């Protein structure tokens, strides 16, 4: 909440897309998971919990990708997206299906923006923030594709004793969880260094 409140004060014209996204994170995750299951885009019930974890983490990072710490967060966003692509390959999805899953999220965000847009927006600032959001989703699509391609490449050569660097074939779920934890911890550490979190350091 402190991040959102500080962001709102820092932004001229009152628009705060980061705060707006943060307030809708839970609903976006729920709707994204519902859409993925309805469209049968992946993996079966065994992968459902892992996909939900990815959904929560990706959507949870979206507000930071349009916030003041986006430059520091960007590499973690890319890593998370690549890992999503790797896991999509392990779930048996084609590259296009993995990308479609990200496009479902984009559609939901756009739908929500039309349904309940941020208030007090001036046009130039609104365009800048929305372009940042769109570029972030574009980056995710690109890196999902990279991760998926890398996973297939290493799977192809597994018979020669080469394994994918991101996830071993026999334990990809637990390794994915570990890497998700690492990304989450790194993002939390970056945000703890924000000026509005001075009093929270060490907690």
N, C-alpha and C. Protein backbone atom coordinates (compact mmCIF):
# COMPACT_ATOMS: atom_id res chain seq x y z
N UNK A 1 0.82 -1.20 0.00
CA UNK A 1 0.00 0.00 0.00
C UNK A 1 0.86 1.25 0.00
N UNK A 2 2.01 1.20 0.72
CA UNK A 2 2.89 2.34 0.75
C UNK A 2 3.43 2.68 -0.61
N UNK A 3 3.72 1.65 -1.43
CA UNK A 3 4.21 1.88 -2.79
C UNK A 3 3.17 2.63 -3.59
N UNK A 4 1.92 2.15 -3.52
CA UNK A 4 0.87 2.76 -4.30
C UNK A 4 0.64 4.20 -3.89
N UNK A 5 0.58 4.46 -2.60
CA UNK A 5 0.32 5.81 -2.13
C UNK A 5 1.42 6.76 -2.56
N UNK A 6 2.68 6.32 -2.47
CA UNK A 6 3.80 7.17 -2.86
C UNK A 6 3.79 7.42 -4.35
N UNK A 7 3.49 6.37 -5.12
CA UNK A 7 3.41 6.50 -6.57
C UNK A 7 2.39 7.57 -6.95
N UNK A 8 1.23 7.52 -6.31
CA UNK A 8 0.16 8.45 -6.66
C UNK A 8 0.61 9.88 -6.43
N UNK A 9 1.36 10.11 -5.36
CA UNK A 9 1.83 11.47 -5.07
C UNK A 9 2.89 11.92 -6.05
N UNK A 10 3.67 10.97 -6.60
CA UNK A 10 4.78 11.32 -7.48
C UNK A 10 4.33 11.63 -8.90
N UNK A 11 3.15 11.14 -9.30
CA UNK A 11 2.76 11.22 -10.70
C UNK A 11 1.87 12.42 -10.95
N UNK A 12 2.28 13.37 -11.84
CA UNK A 12 1.45 14.52 -12.16
C UNK A 12 0.15 14.07 -12.82
N UNK A 13 -0.90 14.79 -12.59
CA UNK A 13 -2.16 14.50 -13.24
C UNK A 13 -2.96 13.42 -12.55
N UNK A 14 -2.39 12.73 -11.57
CA UNK A 14 -3.16 11.81 -10.77
C UNK A 14 -3.22 10.39 -11.29
N UNK A 15 -2.79 10.11 -12.55
CA UNK A 15 -2.87 8.74 -13.04
C UNK A 15 -1.84 7.89 -12.31
N UNK A 16 -2.24 6.71 -11.94
CA UNK A 16 -1.32 5.78 -11.28
C UNK A 16 -1.68 4.39 -11.77
N UNK A 17 -1.14 4.02 -12.92
CA UNK A 17 -1.45 2.73 -13.51
C UNK A 17 -0.91 1.61 -12.64
N UNK A 18 0.22 1.85 -11.99
CA UNK A 18 0.77 0.84 -11.09
C UNK A 18 -0.21 0.53 -9.97
N UNK A 19 -0.75 1.56 -9.36
CA UNK A 19 -1.71 1.37 -8.27
C UNK A 19 -2.99 0.72 -8.78
N UNK A 20 -3.44 1.14 -9.95
CA UNK A 20 -4.65 0.59 -10.57
C UNK A 20 -4.48 -0.91 -10.82
N UNK A 21 -3.33 -1.32 -11.36
CA UNK A 21 -3.06 -2.73 -11.61
C UNK A 21 -2.97 -3.51 -10.30
N UNK A 22 -2.29 -2.92 -9.31
CA UNK A 22 -2.14 -3.58 -8.03
C UNK A 22 -3.47 -3.90 -7.37
N UNK A 23 -4.43 -3.00 -7.54
CA UNK A 23 -5.74 -3.21 -6.95
C UNK A 23 -6.54 -4.30 -7.65
N UNK A 24 -6.11 -4.68 -8.84
CA UNK A 24 -6.85 -5.67 -9.64
C UNK A 24 -6.09 -6.98 -9.82
N UNK A 25 -4.99 -7.12 -9.10
CA UNK A 25 -4.14 -8.31 -9.27
C UNK A 25 -4.91 -9.60 -9.02
N UNK A 26 -5.59 -9.66 -7.89
CA UNK A 26 -6.29 -10.90 -7.53
C UNK A 26 -7.33 -11.28 -8.57
N UNK A 27 -8.11 -10.30 -9.02
CA UNK A 27 -9.14 -10.56 -10.02
C UNK A 27 -8.56 -10.98 -11.36
N UNK A 28 -7.45 -10.35 -11.75
CA UNK A 28 -6.81 -10.72 -13.01
C UNK A 28 -6.27 -12.14 -12.97
N UNK A 29 -5.66 -12.52 -11.85
CA UNK A 29 -5.15 -13.89 -11.71
C UNK A 29 -6.30 -14.89 -11.81
N UNK A 30 -7.37 -14.61 -11.08
CA UNK A 30 -8.52 -15.53 -11.07
C UNK A 30 -9.11 -15.67 -12.47
N UNK A 31 -9.29 -14.54 -13.16
CA UNK A 31 -9.88 -14.57 -14.50
C UNK A 31 -8.94 -15.24 -15.51
N UNK A 32 -7.63 -14.99 -15.36
CA UNK A 32 -6.67 -15.61 -16.27
C UNK A 32 -6.70 -17.13 -16.12
N UNK A 33 -6.67 -17.60 -14.90
CA UNK A 33 -6.72 -19.05 -14.67
C UNK A 33 -8.03 -19.64 -15.21
N UNK A 34 -9.13 -18.94 -15.00
CA UNK A 34 -10.42 -19.41 -15.51
C UNK A 34 -10.39 -19.52 -17.03
N UNK A 35 -9.82 -18.51 -17.70
CA UNK A 35 -9.75 -18.52 -19.16
C UNK A 35 -8.84 -19.63 -19.67
N UNK A 36 -7.72 -19.84 -19.01
CA UNK A 36 -6.79 -20.89 -19.45
C UNK A 36 -7.44 -22.27 -19.34
N UNK A 37 -8.15 -22.49 -18.24
CA UNK A 37 -8.81 -23.78 -18.07
C UNK A 37 -9.96 -23.93 -19.07
N UNK A 38 -10.70 -22.85 -19.34
CA UNK A 38 -11.81 -22.92 -20.28
C UNK A 38 -11.33 -23.18 -21.70
N UNK A 39 -10.16 -22.61 -22.04
CA UNK A 39 -9.63 -22.79 -23.40
C UNK A 39 -8.75 -24.03 -23.52
N UNK A 40 -8.55 -24.73 -22.40
CA UNK A 40 -7.74 -25.95 -22.37
C UNK A 40 -6.37 -25.71 -23.00
N UNK A 41 -5.74 -24.63 -22.56
CA UNK A 41 -4.42 -24.29 -23.10
C UNK A 41 -3.30 -24.84 -22.24
N UNK A 42 -3.50 -25.97 -21.64
CA UNK A 42 -2.27 -26.51 -21.16
C UNK A 42 -2.17 -27.43 -20.01
N UNK A 43 -1.53 -28.50 -20.21
CA UNK A 43 -0.85 -29.25 -19.19
C UNK A 43 -1.64 -30.19 -18.34
N UNK A 44 -2.96 -30.04 -18.26
CA UNK A 44 -3.70 -30.94 -17.40
C UNK A 44 -3.65 -30.52 -15.94
N UNK A 45 -4.37 -31.26 -15.11
CA UNK A 45 -4.53 -30.88 -13.71
C UNK A 45 -3.23 -30.93 -12.93
N UNK A 46 -2.30 -31.80 -13.33
CA UNK A 46 -1.05 -31.93 -12.58
C UNK A 46 -0.22 -30.65 -12.60
N UNK A 47 -0.38 -29.86 -13.66
CA UNK A 47 0.39 -28.63 -13.79
C UNK A 47 -0.38 -27.41 -13.30
N UNK A 48 -1.62 -27.60 -12.87
CA UNK A 48 -2.49 -26.47 -12.56
C UNK A 48 -1.93 -25.59 -11.46
N UNK A 49 -1.45 -26.19 -10.37
CA UNK A 49 -0.93 -25.41 -9.25
C UNK A 49 0.29 -24.59 -9.66
N UNK A 50 1.16 -25.19 -10.48
CA UNK A 50 2.34 -24.47 -10.94
C UNK A 50 1.96 -23.31 -11.86
N UNK A 51 1.02 -23.53 -12.76
CA UNK A 51 0.56 -22.47 -13.65
C UNK A 51 -0.06 -21.34 -12.84
N UNK A 52 -0.81 -21.69 -11.80
CA UNK A 52 -1.43 -20.66 -10.95
C UNK A 52 -0.36 -19.85 -10.23
N UNK A 53 0.71 -20.50 -9.81
CA UNK A 53 1.81 -19.78 -9.17
C UNK A 53 2.44 -18.80 -10.15
N UNK A 54 2.65 -19.24 -11.38
CA UNK A 54 3.18 -18.33 -12.40
C UNK A 54 2.23 -17.16 -12.64
N UNK A 55 0.94 -17.47 -12.73
CA UNK A 55 -0.04 -16.41 -12.97
C UNK A 55 0.02 -15.36 -11.88
N UNK A 56 0.06 -15.80 -10.63
CA UNK A 56 0.11 -14.87 -9.51
C UNK A 56 1.37 -14.01 -9.55
N UNK A 57 2.49 -14.64 -9.91
CA UNK A 57 3.75 -13.89 -9.88
C UNK A 57 3.88 -12.94 -11.06
N UNK A 58 3.46 -13.38 -12.24
CA UNK A 58 3.52 -12.50 -13.41
C UNK A 58 2.59 -11.30 -13.24
N UNK A 59 1.35 -11.58 -12.86
CA UNK A 59 0.40 -10.48 -12.68
C UNK A 59 0.84 -9.58 -11.53
N UNK A 60 1.40 -10.18 -10.47
CA UNK A 60 1.88 -9.39 -9.35
C UNK A 60 3.03 -8.47 -9.69
N UNK A 61 3.81 -8.83 -10.71
CA UNK A 61 4.93 -7.98 -11.12
C UNK A 61 4.53 -6.89 -12.10
N UNK A 62 3.36 -7.03 -12.72
CA UNK A 62 2.94 -6.02 -13.70
C UNK A 62 2.94 -4.59 -13.15
N UNK A 63 2.41 -4.35 -11.93
CA UNK A 63 2.46 -2.98 -11.42
C UNK A 63 3.87 -2.42 -11.32
N UNK A 64 4.85 -3.28 -10.99
CA UNK A 64 6.23 -2.82 -10.88
C UNK A 64 6.83 -2.52 -12.24
N UNK A 65 6.31 -3.17 -13.29
CA UNK A 65 6.83 -2.96 -14.64
C UNK A 65 6.40 -1.62 -15.23
N UNK A 66 5.46 -0.95 -14.58
CA UNK A 66 5.11 0.41 -15.01
C UNK A 66 5.44 1.42 -13.92
N UNK A 67 6.12 0.96 -12.87
CA UNK A 67 6.47 1.83 -11.75
C UNK A 67 7.88 2.36 -11.85
N UNK A 68 8.34 3.09 -10.84
CA UNK A 68 9.64 3.76 -10.89
C UNK A 68 10.83 2.82 -10.82
N UNK A 69 10.60 1.58 -10.41
CA UNK A 69 11.71 0.61 -10.30
C UNK A 69 11.69 -0.40 -11.45
N UNK A 70 11.02 -0.05 -12.55
CA UNK A 70 10.88 -0.99 -13.66
C UNK A 70 12.23 -1.39 -14.26
N UNK A 71 13.21 -0.47 -14.29
CA UNK A 71 14.51 -0.80 -14.88
C UNK A 71 15.22 -1.89 -14.07
N UNK A 72 15.09 -1.84 -12.75
CA UNK A 72 15.71 -2.86 -11.91
C UNK A 72 14.92 -4.17 -11.96
N UNK A 73 13.61 -4.07 -12.15
CA UNK A 73 12.74 -5.25 -12.15
C UNK A 73 12.80 -5.99 -13.48
N UNK A 74 13.14 -5.27 -14.55
CA UNK A 74 13.01 -5.79 -15.91
C UNK A 74 13.70 -7.14 -16.12
N UNK A 75 14.93 -7.28 -15.63
CA UNK A 75 15.66 -8.53 -15.85
C UNK A 75 14.97 -9.69 -15.15
N UNK A 76 14.33 -9.43 -14.01
CA UNK A 76 13.60 -10.50 -13.30
C UNK A 76 12.31 -10.85 -14.05
N UNK A 77 11.70 -9.86 -14.65
CA UNK A 77 10.51 -10.08 -15.49
C UNK A 77 10.88 -10.97 -16.68
N UNK A 78 12.02 -10.67 -17.31
CA UNK A 78 12.47 -11.47 -18.44
C UNK A 78 12.76 -12.91 -18.01
N UNK A 79 13.42 -13.05 -16.87
CA UNK A 79 13.75 -14.39 -16.37
C UNK A 79 12.50 -15.18 -16.06
N UNK A 80 11.53 -14.54 -15.43
CA UNK A 80 10.27 -15.19 -15.09
C UNK A 80 9.54 -15.63 -16.36
N UNK A 81 9.55 -14.78 -17.37
CA UNK A 81 8.87 -15.10 -18.62
C UNK A 81 9.55 -16.26 -19.33
N UNK A 82 10.88 -16.27 -19.35
CA UNK A 82 11.60 -17.38 -19.97
C UNK A 82 11.30 -18.68 -19.24
N UNK A 83 11.26 -18.63 -17.93
CA UNK A 83 10.95 -19.81 -17.15
C UNK A 83 9.54 -20.31 -17.46
N UNK A 84 8.62 -19.38 -17.66
CA UNK A 84 7.25 -19.75 -18.05
C UNK A 84 7.28 -20.51 -19.38
N UNK A 85 8.12 -20.04 -20.31
CA UNK A 85 8.23 -20.73 -21.59
C UNK A 85 8.81 -22.11 -21.45
N UNK A 86 9.82 -22.26 -20.59
CA UNK A 86 10.41 -23.58 -20.34
C UNK A 86 9.36 -24.53 -19.78
N UNK A 87 8.63 -24.07 -18.78
CA UNK A 87 7.61 -24.91 -18.16
C UNK A 87 6.50 -25.24 -19.16
N UNK A 88 6.16 -24.29 -20.03
CA UNK A 88 5.15 -24.55 -21.06
C UNK A 88 5.59 -25.70 -21.96
N UNK A 89 6.86 -25.71 -22.32
CA UNK A 89 7.38 -26.82 -23.13
C UNK A 89 7.30 -28.14 -22.37
N UNK A 90 7.64 -28.12 -21.08
CA UNK A 90 7.57 -29.33 -20.26
C UNK A 90 6.12 -29.80 -20.09
N UNK A 91 5.18 -28.86 -20.16
CA UNK A 91 3.76 -29.21 -20.07
C UNK A 91 3.23 -29.76 -21.39
N UNK A 92 4.05 -29.75 -22.42
CA UNK A 92 3.64 -30.29 -23.70
C UNK A 92 2.99 -29.28 -24.63
N UNK A 93 3.11 -27.99 -24.31
CA UNK A 93 2.52 -26.97 -25.16
C UNK A 93 3.43 -26.64 -26.33
N UNK A 94 2.85 -26.32 -27.46
CA UNK A 94 3.58 -25.74 -28.57
C UNK A 94 3.91 -24.29 -28.24
N UNK A 95 4.88 -23.73 -28.96
CA UNK A 95 5.28 -22.34 -28.70
C UNK A 95 4.09 -21.39 -28.86
N UNK A 96 3.29 -21.62 -29.88
CA UNK A 96 2.14 -20.76 -30.11
C UNK A 96 1.13 -20.82 -28.99
N UNK A 97 0.97 -21.99 -28.39
CA UNK A 97 0.04 -22.13 -27.26
C UNK A 97 0.54 -21.38 -26.04
N UNK A 98 1.85 -21.45 -25.80
CA UNK A 98 2.42 -20.70 -24.68
C UNK A 98 2.23 -19.21 -24.86
N UNK A 99 2.45 -18.75 -26.09
CA UNK A 99 2.26 -17.32 -26.38
C UNK A 99 0.79 -16.94 -26.25
N UNK A 100 -0.10 -17.83 -26.68
CA UNK A 100 -1.53 -17.56 -26.54
C UNK A 100 -1.91 -17.34 -25.08
N UNK A 101 -1.28 -18.08 -24.17
CA UNK A 101 -1.58 -17.90 -22.75
C UNK A 101 -1.27 -16.48 -22.31
N UNK A 102 -0.17 -15.91 -22.81
CA UNK A 102 0.16 -14.52 -22.47
C UNK A 102 -0.81 -13.54 -23.12
N UNK A 103 -1.25 -13.87 -24.33
CA UNK A 103 -2.21 -12.99 -25.00
C UNK A 103 -3.55 -12.98 -24.28
N UNK A 104 -3.89 -14.09 -23.64
CA UNK A 104 -5.11 -14.12 -22.83
C UNK A 104 -5.01 -13.09 -21.71
N UNK A 105 -3.84 -13.03 -21.06
CA UNK A 105 -3.64 -12.03 -20.00
C UNK A 105 -3.75 -10.63 -20.57
N UNK A 106 -3.12 -10.38 -21.71
CA UNK A 106 -3.21 -9.05 -22.34
C UNK A 106 -4.67 -8.67 -22.60
N UNK A 107 -5.44 -9.60 -23.13
CA UNK A 107 -6.86 -9.33 -23.40
C UNK A 107 -7.62 -8.97 -22.13
N UNK A 108 -7.32 -9.67 -21.06
CA UNK A 108 -8.01 -9.39 -19.79
C UNK A 108 -7.66 -8.02 -19.26
N UNK A 109 -6.38 -7.62 -19.36
CA UNK A 109 -5.97 -6.30 -18.90
C UNK A 109 -6.65 -5.22 -19.73
N UNK A 110 -6.67 -5.40 -21.06
CA UNK A 110 -7.30 -4.41 -21.95
C UNK A 110 -8.79 -4.32 -21.66
N UNK A 111 -9.42 -5.47 -21.46
CA UNK A 111 -10.85 -5.49 -21.16
C UNK A 111 -11.14 -4.72 -19.87
N UNK A 112 -10.28 -4.92 -18.87
CA UNK A 112 -10.48 -4.24 -17.59
C UNK A 112 -10.24 -2.73 -17.73
N UNK A 113 -9.26 -2.36 -18.55
CA UNK A 113 -9.00 -0.94 -18.78
C UNK A 113 -10.20 -0.24 -19.41
N UNK A 114 -10.86 -0.92 -20.34
CA UNK A 114 -12.05 -0.34 -20.95
C UNK A 114 -13.23 -0.32 -19.98
N UNK A 115 -13.32 -1.37 -19.16
CA UNK A 115 -14.45 -1.47 -18.24
C UNK A 115 -14.36 -0.46 -17.11
N UNK A 116 -13.14 -0.28 -16.59
CA UNK A 116 -12.96 0.57 -15.41
C UNK A 116 -11.61 1.28 -15.50
N UNK A 117 -11.49 2.27 -16.38
CA UNK A 117 -10.19 2.91 -16.59
C UNK A 117 -9.73 3.70 -15.37
N UNK A 118 -8.40 3.90 -15.24
CA UNK A 118 -7.90 4.74 -14.15
C UNK A 118 -8.48 6.15 -14.25
N UNK A 119 -8.77 6.75 -13.13
CA UNK A 119 -9.35 8.09 -13.14
C UNK A 119 -8.29 9.17 -13.17
N UNK A 120 -8.73 10.41 -13.44
CA UNK A 120 -7.89 11.60 -13.38
C UNK A 120 -6.68 11.50 -14.32
N UNK A 121 -6.93 11.05 -15.55
CA UNK A 121 -5.83 10.84 -16.49
C UNK A 121 -5.70 12.03 -17.44
N UNK A 122 -4.45 12.52 -17.62
CA UNK A 122 -4.23 13.42 -18.75
C UNK A 122 -3.65 12.59 -19.88
N UNK A 123 -3.98 12.98 -21.12
CA UNK A 123 -3.71 12.13 -22.28
C UNK A 123 -2.24 11.76 -22.47
N UNK A 124 -1.28 12.73 -22.42
CA UNK A 124 0.11 12.33 -22.66
C UNK A 124 0.64 11.34 -21.63
N UNK A 125 0.31 11.56 -20.37
CA UNK A 125 0.78 10.65 -19.32
C UNK A 125 0.11 9.29 -19.45
N UNK A 126 -1.17 9.28 -19.76
CA UNK A 126 -1.89 8.04 -19.93
C UNK A 126 -1.25 7.21 -21.04
N UNK A 127 -0.94 7.84 -22.16
CA UNK A 127 -0.34 7.13 -23.28
C UNK A 127 1.01 6.56 -22.89
N UNK A 128 1.84 7.32 -22.18
CA UNK A 128 3.16 6.85 -21.77
C UNK A 128 3.07 5.62 -20.88
N UNK A 129 2.17 5.68 -19.90
CA UNK A 129 2.04 4.56 -18.98
C UNK A 129 1.48 3.32 -19.67
N UNK A 130 0.51 3.52 -20.55
CA UNK A 130 -0.07 2.38 -21.24
C UNK A 130 0.92 1.75 -22.21
N UNK A 131 1.77 2.57 -22.83
CA UNK A 131 2.80 2.03 -23.71
C UNK A 131 3.80 1.19 -22.92
N UNK A 132 4.13 1.63 -21.71
CA UNK A 132 5.01 0.84 -20.85
C UNK A 132 4.39 -0.51 -20.53
N UNK A 133 3.11 -0.51 -20.23
CA UNK A 133 2.42 -1.75 -19.93
C UNK A 133 2.44 -2.68 -21.14
N UNK A 134 2.15 -2.14 -22.30
CA UNK A 134 2.12 -2.95 -23.51
C UNK A 134 3.51 -3.49 -23.85
N UNK A 135 4.54 -2.66 -23.67
CA UNK A 135 5.91 -3.13 -23.92
C UNK A 135 6.30 -4.24 -22.96
N UNK A 136 5.85 -4.14 -21.72
CA UNK A 136 6.14 -5.18 -20.74
C UNK A 136 5.53 -6.51 -21.16
N UNK A 137 4.30 -6.47 -21.64
CA UNK A 137 3.65 -7.70 -22.10
C UNK A 137 4.31 -8.23 -23.36
N UNK A 138 4.75 -7.31 -24.23
CA UNK A 138 5.51 -7.73 -25.43
C UNK A 138 6.80 -8.44 -25.03
N UNK A 139 7.50 -7.88 -24.05
CA UNK A 139 8.74 -8.51 -23.56
C UNK A 139 8.46 -9.92 -23.03
N UNK A 140 7.35 -10.05 -22.30
CA UNK A 140 7.00 -11.35 -21.75
C UNK A 140 6.78 -12.36 -22.87
N UNK A 141 6.06 -11.96 -23.91
CA UNK A 141 5.81 -12.86 -25.04
C UNK A 141 7.12 -13.28 -25.69
N UNK A 142 8.02 -12.31 -25.90
CA UNK A 142 9.31 -12.62 -26.52
C UNK A 142 10.10 -13.62 -25.69
N UNK A 143 10.16 -13.40 -24.39
CA UNK A 143 10.98 -14.25 -23.53
C UNK A 143 10.32 -15.60 -23.26
N UNK A 144 9.00 -15.66 -23.29
CA UNK A 144 8.33 -16.96 -23.23
C UNK A 144 8.74 -17.80 -24.44
N UNK A 145 8.78 -17.17 -25.60
CA UNK A 145 9.19 -17.88 -26.81
C UNK A 145 10.64 -18.35 -26.71
N UNK A 146 11.52 -17.50 -26.18
CA UNK A 146 12.92 -17.87 -26.00
C UNK A 146 13.05 -19.07 -25.06
N UNK A 147 12.35 -19.01 -23.92
CA UNK A 147 12.42 -20.10 -22.96
C UNK A 147 11.90 -21.41 -23.54
N UNK A 148 10.81 -21.33 -24.28
CA UNK A 148 10.22 -22.51 -24.90
C UNK A 148 11.20 -23.12 -25.91
N UNK A 149 11.81 -22.28 -26.74
CA UNK A 149 12.76 -22.76 -27.74
C UNK A 149 13.97 -23.40 -27.08
N UNK A 150 14.49 -22.76 -26.04
CA UNK A 150 15.65 -23.32 -25.33
C UNK A 150 15.31 -24.68 -24.73
N UNK A 151 14.13 -24.81 -24.14
CA UNK A 151 13.74 -26.07 -23.52
C UNK A 151 13.68 -27.18 -24.56
N UNK A 152 13.10 -26.89 -25.72
CA UNK A 152 13.01 -27.90 -26.77
C UNK A 152 14.39 -28.27 -27.30
N UNK A 153 15.25 -27.27 -27.43
CA UNK A 153 16.61 -27.53 -27.91
C UNK A 153 17.34 -28.50 -26.99
N UNK A 154 17.28 -28.24 -25.69
CA UNK A 154 17.99 -29.11 -24.76
C UNK A 154 17.32 -30.47 -24.61
N UNK A 155 15.99 -30.50 -24.76
CA UNK A 155 15.31 -31.79 -24.74
C UNK A 155 15.77 -32.66 -25.91
N UNK A 156 15.99 -32.02 -27.05
CA UNK A 156 16.42 -32.74 -28.25
C UNK A 156 17.77 -33.41 -28.02
N UNK A 157 18.63 -32.73 -27.24
CA UNK A 157 19.98 -33.25 -27.04
C UNK A 157 20.14 -34.02 -25.73
N UNK A 158 19.03 -34.22 -24.99
CA UNK A 158 19.13 -34.92 -23.71
C UNK A 158 19.70 -36.33 -23.86
N UNK A 159 19.46 -36.93 -25.02
CA UNK A 159 19.99 -38.26 -25.26
C UNK A 159 21.50 -38.29 -25.29
N UNK A 160 22.14 -37.14 -25.51
CA UNK A 160 23.59 -37.05 -25.51
C UNK A 160 24.13 -36.59 -24.16
N UNK A 161 23.25 -36.59 -23.15
CA UNK A 161 23.70 -36.22 -21.80
C UNK A 161 23.65 -34.74 -21.53
N UNK A 162 23.02 -33.96 -22.42
CA UNK A 162 22.89 -32.53 -22.23
C UNK A 162 21.51 -32.25 -21.69
N UNK A 163 21.41 -31.52 -20.57
CA UNK A 163 20.11 -31.19 -19.99
C UNK A 163 19.89 -29.70 -20.00
N UNK A 164 18.62 -29.32 -20.03
CA UNK A 164 18.27 -27.90 -20.06
C UNK A 164 18.81 -27.20 -18.83
N UNK A 165 19.43 -26.01 -18.98
CA UNK A 165 19.99 -25.32 -17.82
C UNK A 165 18.93 -24.81 -16.87
N UNK A 166 17.74 -24.54 -17.37
CA UNK A 166 16.71 -23.96 -16.52
C UNK A 166 16.04 -25.01 -15.63
N UNK A 167 15.71 -26.16 -16.20
CA UNK A 167 14.97 -27.17 -15.46
C UNK A 167 15.37 -28.57 -15.89
N UNK A 168 15.66 -29.43 -14.95
CA UNK A 168 15.93 -30.82 -15.28
C UNK A 168 14.62 -31.51 -15.66
N UNK A 169 14.71 -32.47 -16.56
CA UNK A 169 13.50 -33.08 -17.10
C UNK A 169 12.71 -33.84 -16.05
N UNK A 170 13.39 -34.42 -15.06
CA UNK A 170 12.69 -35.30 -14.13
C UNK A 170 12.14 -34.59 -12.90
N UNK A 171 12.40 -33.31 -12.74
CA UNK A 171 11.93 -32.61 -11.54
C UNK A 171 11.63 -31.15 -11.85
N UNK A 172 11.01 -30.92 -13.00
CA UNK A 172 10.86 -29.53 -13.41
C UNK A 172 9.93 -28.74 -12.51
N UNK A 173 8.93 -29.41 -11.90
CA UNK A 173 8.00 -28.69 -11.04
C UNK A 173 8.67 -28.11 -9.81
N UNK A 174 9.42 -28.93 -9.09
CA UNK A 174 10.07 -28.44 -7.87
C UNK A 174 11.16 -27.43 -8.19
N UNK A 175 11.89 -27.64 -9.29
CA UNK A 175 12.93 -26.69 -9.66
C UNK A 175 12.31 -25.35 -10.10
N UNK A 176 11.18 -25.43 -10.79
CA UNK A 176 10.49 -24.20 -11.17
C UNK A 176 10.06 -23.42 -9.94
N UNK A 177 9.54 -24.12 -8.94
CA UNK A 177 9.13 -23.47 -7.69
C UNK A 177 10.32 -22.77 -7.04
N UNK A 178 11.47 -23.43 -7.02
CA UNK A 178 12.67 -22.84 -6.43
C UNK A 178 13.06 -21.56 -7.16
N UNK A 179 13.02 -21.61 -8.49
CA UNK A 179 13.39 -20.44 -9.26
C UNK A 179 12.38 -19.31 -9.12
N UNK A 180 11.10 -19.67 -9.01
CA UNK A 180 10.08 -18.66 -8.74
C UNK A 180 10.34 -17.99 -7.40
N UNK A 181 10.71 -18.78 -6.41
CA UNK A 181 11.04 -18.22 -5.09
C UNK A 181 12.23 -17.26 -5.19
N UNK A 182 13.24 -17.63 -5.98
CA UNK A 182 14.42 -16.78 -6.14
C UNK A 182 14.06 -15.44 -6.78
N UNK A 183 13.25 -15.49 -7.84
CA UNK A 183 12.83 -14.26 -8.51
C UNK A 183 12.02 -13.39 -7.55
N UNK A 184 11.09 -14.00 -6.83
CA UNK A 184 10.27 -13.24 -5.88
C UNK A 184 11.13 -12.58 -4.81
N UNK A 185 12.14 -13.30 -4.32
CA UNK A 185 13.01 -12.75 -3.28
C UNK A 185 13.83 -11.58 -3.83
N UNK A 186 14.31 -11.70 -5.06
CA UNK A 186 15.09 -10.62 -5.66
C UNK A 186 14.24 -9.37 -5.88
N UNK A 187 13.00 -9.57 -6.34
CA UNK A 187 12.10 -8.43 -6.54
C UNK A 187 11.79 -7.76 -5.20
N UNK A 188 11.50 -8.58 -4.18
CA UNK A 188 11.21 -8.03 -2.85
C UNK A 188 12.40 -7.23 -2.32
N UNK A 189 13.62 -7.72 -2.56
CA UNK A 189 14.82 -7.03 -2.10
C UNK A 189 14.97 -5.68 -2.78
N UNK A 190 14.69 -5.63 -4.09
CA UNK A 190 14.75 -4.36 -4.82
C UNK A 190 13.74 -3.37 -4.25
N UNK A 191 12.53 -3.83 -4.02
CA UNK A 191 11.49 -2.92 -3.53
C UNK A 191 11.72 -2.50 -2.08
N UNK A 192 12.39 -3.34 -1.30
CA UNK A 192 12.72 -2.95 0.07
C UNK A 192 13.67 -1.75 0.10
N UNK A 193 14.42 -1.55 -0.98
CA UNK A 193 15.36 -0.45 -1.03
C UNK A 193 14.71 0.85 -1.50
N UNK A 194 13.43 0.78 -1.83
CA UNK A 194 12.71 1.99 -2.25
C UNK A 194 12.62 2.97 -1.08
N UNK A 195 12.66 4.27 -1.36
CA UNK A 195 12.64 5.28 -0.29
C UNK A 195 11.46 5.14 0.65
N UNK A 196 10.28 4.75 0.11
CA UNK A 196 9.10 4.67 0.97
C UNK A 196 9.12 3.43 1.86
N UNK A 197 10.12 2.56 1.70
CA UNK A 197 10.22 1.38 2.55
C UNK A 197 11.38 1.46 3.54
N UNK A 198 11.88 2.65 3.79
CA UNK A 198 13.01 2.80 4.71
C UNK A 198 12.73 2.16 6.06
N UNK A 199 11.54 2.35 6.55
CA UNK A 199 11.23 1.83 7.87
C UNK A 199 11.02 0.34 7.92
N UNK A 200 10.90 -0.29 6.71
CA UNK A 200 10.60 -1.72 6.67
C UNK A 200 11.84 -2.57 6.45
N UNK A 201 12.99 -1.97 6.26
CA UNK A 201 14.19 -2.75 6.00
C UNK A 201 14.53 -3.62 7.21
N UNK A 202 14.98 -4.83 6.88
CA UNK A 202 15.33 -5.75 7.92
C UNK A 202 14.18 -6.62 8.38
N UNK A 203 12.94 -6.37 7.84
CA UNK A 203 11.78 -7.18 8.23
C UNK A 203 11.56 -8.24 7.19
